[in-house]
Amino acid sequence: TIFAWSGALRKRGELDGIAELGQFADALEGATLDTIRSGVMTGDLAGLVEGERPAPVTSEAFLKAIRTRMEA
């Protein structure tokens, strides 16, 4: 869902000529991927991991982890 929203934000930025909106979408996607790569993910994603699965977190904890990365 995050990537659907970020894609829509990027497109809106393109259509309205708001470069900062596209930059935000890129930052959001990057922070999301970094969060997942660090092992912080919700149960649906953790269920897709092969081998040793990370302990899943709640959706709220996942979003807070993404926010923390974006603010850093």
Protein backbone atom coordinates (compact mmCIF):
# COMPACT_ATOMS: atom_id res chain seq x y z
CA THR A 1 0.00 0.00 0.00
CA ILE A 2 2.85 2.39 0.79
CA PHE A 3 4.25 1.96 -2.72
CA ALA A 4 0.85 2.58 -4.30
CA TRP A 5 0.56 5.84 -2.38
CA SER A 6 4.13 6.91 -3.08
CA GLY A 7 3.61 6.24 -6.79
CA ALA A 8 0.45 8.33 -6.76
CA LEU A 9 2.24 11.14 -4.92
CA ARG A 10 5.09 11.04 -7.43
CA LYS A 11 2.65 11.24 -10.35
CA ARG A 12 0.78 14.14 -8.71
CA GLY A 13 4.08 15.93 -8.27
CA GLU A 14 4.89 15.41 -11.94
CA LEU A 15 1.47 16.64 -13.09
CA ASP A 16 1.51 19.69 -10.82
CA GLY A 17 5.20 20.49 -11.28
CA ILE A 18 6.00 19.96 -7.59
CA ALA A 19 9.47 18.40 -7.54
CA GLU A 20 9.46 18.22 -3.74
CA LEU A 21 6.50 15.84 -3.81
CA GLY A 22 8.39 13.45 -6.05
CA GLN A 23 11.41 13.72 -3.77
CA PHE A 24 9.21 12.89 -0.79
CA ALA A 25 7.86 9.82 -2.61
CA ASP A 26 11.42 8.67 -3.34
CA ALA A 27 12.44 9.21 0.30
CA LEU A 28 9.37 7.32 1.53
CA GLU A 29 10.12 4.34 -0.71
CA GLY A 30 13.78 4.34 0.31
CA ALA A 31 12.97 4.49 4.01
CA THR A 32 10.42 1.69 3.60
CA LEU A 33 12.89 -0.58 1.83
CA ASP A 34 15.64 0.21 4.37
CA THR A 35 13.23 -0.62 7.20
CA ILE A 36 12.34 -3.96 5.64
CA ARG A 37 15.99 -4.78 4.91
CA SER A 38 16.82 -4.09 8.56
CA GLY A 39 14.39 -6.85 9.56
CA VAL A 40 11.50 -4.67 10.73
CA MET A 41 8.35 -5.73 8.92
CA THR A 42 4.75 -6.73 9.39
CA GLY A 43 3.62 -10.34 9.56
CA ASP A 44 2.52 -10.53 5.93
CA LEU A 45 6.02 -9.58 4.79
CA ALA A 46 7.78 -11.68 7.41
CA GLY A 47 5.85 -14.69 6.13
CA LEU A 48 7.52 -14.28 2.74
CA VAL A 49 11.07 -14.38 4.12
CA GLU A 50 12.94 -17.60 3.40
CA GLY A 51 15.10 -19.07 6.12
CA GLU A 52 15.10 -17.50 9.56
CA ARG A 53 12.08 -15.23 9.71
CA PRO A 54 12.19 -11.96 11.60
CA ALA A 55 9.71 -11.37 14.40
CA PRO A 56 6.86 -9.37 12.88
CA VAL A 57 5.79 -6.00 14.26
CA THR A 58 2.42 -4.28 14.19
CA SER A 59 1.51 -1.99 11.32
CA GLU A 60 1.80 0.96 13.68
CA ALA A 61 5.33 -0.05 14.75
CA PHE A 62 6.28 -0.55 11.10
CA LEU A 63 5.08 2.92 10.14
CA LYS A 64 6.84 4.46 13.13
CA ALA A 65 10.09 2.75 12.09
CA ILE A 66 9.73 4.18 8.58
CA ARG A 67 9.06 7.64 10.03
CA THR A 68 12.16 7.40 12.22
CA ARG A 69 14.28 6.59 9.16
CA MET A 70 12.79 9.46 7.20
CA GLU A 71 13.45 11.92 10.02
CA ALA A 72 17.08 10.78 10.40
